[in-house]
Amino acid sequence: MRDIKDKQLYIWETLENLVKLYLAQEDDDSEDEDFDEEYDDEEIISEGKQVMEIFENEHGVNFDYFFAVSMPDIVKDKRFILDSILEEAKNPSVYADLLGLWNDRYFVKKLMEYYPDTYANISDELKNDKEILKCALTYGNSEALKFASEELRNDREIAELSIRKTGGRALEYLSTNLRGDAELVLMACQIDNNQHEKSRNETALHYATESLRNNREFILKIVQINGAYLGLASNELKNDREIVLEAIRNYGTALSFAQQLRLDRDFVIEAVKVNGKSLYGAGIRFLEDREVVLTAVNQNGLSLQYASYNLTNDREVVLCAVRQQGLAIRFASKTLENDSEVVGEAVKQNEYAVMYQKND
């Protein structure tokens, strides 16, 4: 007995002979001079059944479909059979391999609706088919662009669709030209920001061109969406006073990206007036600067958590913090978190502050 699994060519020859036998049974008068007479009918059928059994067990293949697609003279409506494979087969990709359907536009386009992740397997010709790529993207293949043709990766309509479906990740596979398109990158950043909490989510800007990340007008717009994007701006723009102030309005810790400005006392005071949490990114010496810390907790009491221990034990600083946000009491020193006046002011601002009072 042949080692059927290791003899792919023999498998296809056997299946072809099975089709010929089937046709012969349909028409007793038919003769095929090309019929392989090396084996008699019984051996062909026996080994053919074993071939089918292997594929049926391992891949869930129903060979009724194979015979149907292989016999166009008997089955006139090939599309009906292809639809049946797509709707009923356990693994349509196996049929695509068996029947050479990766270049069949009708089959592949519909396959994208059911199994968009199979886009990587289709023929190079169809990878340049805009409608098929749109189907793959629409039905959930976030990485289809990775396998698309260079022409389609430079197509603006495709770029917009991909960004709408997958956000900033789509930029990774777009052409350099489109990764430098301010409108597209801005759209990607907005989508990313809507899908995630405000944190250092910089996927879209990560794939933008260097020239775009050095574009002042663009960076000024982008940090207004999410200040975390400042982290991928050019070094020059990371220390642009206007840009940094815009960034910290919605992302206080963005000040940590401004390596020069975070050490500038006048700018740090201006920053904590805008967002007290920017104290987190300030130079370490400012965490012990009473004026800076007072300014920060007056804007956001919770910024007390970034102050030095000495200042968390400063009554005026702590009272200012809890009056702005009662829950800031949890960052006060052990002495002040049990101080009656501090506790009273904290609870007055937020009744839940009492939970952080610690009793000796």
Foldseek 3Di string as FASTA:
>chain_A
DDPVVVCVVVLLLLVVLVLVVVVCVVPVPDDDPPRDPPDDPVVSVVVNVVSVVVCCVPPVDDCVLVSLCVCCVVNVCNVVSLVCCLVPGPDSVVVCVVVVCLAVVVSLQVNLLVCLCCLLVHDLVCLAPPSSLLSSQVNDDLCSLVRHDLVLLADPVSLQSSCVRRALVSLQNHDLVVLQDLVSLLSSLLVQPVVDPQDLPQSNVVSRDLVNLADLVSLLVSLLSHLSNLLSHDLVNLQDLSSNLSNCLHPLCSLLSNVVQLAPVVSLQVNLLSALLVLQNHDLVVLAVQSSLQSNLLRALLSLQSHDLVQLAPVVSLLSNLLRALLSLLNHDLVQVQDPVSNVSNCVRPVCSVVSRDDD
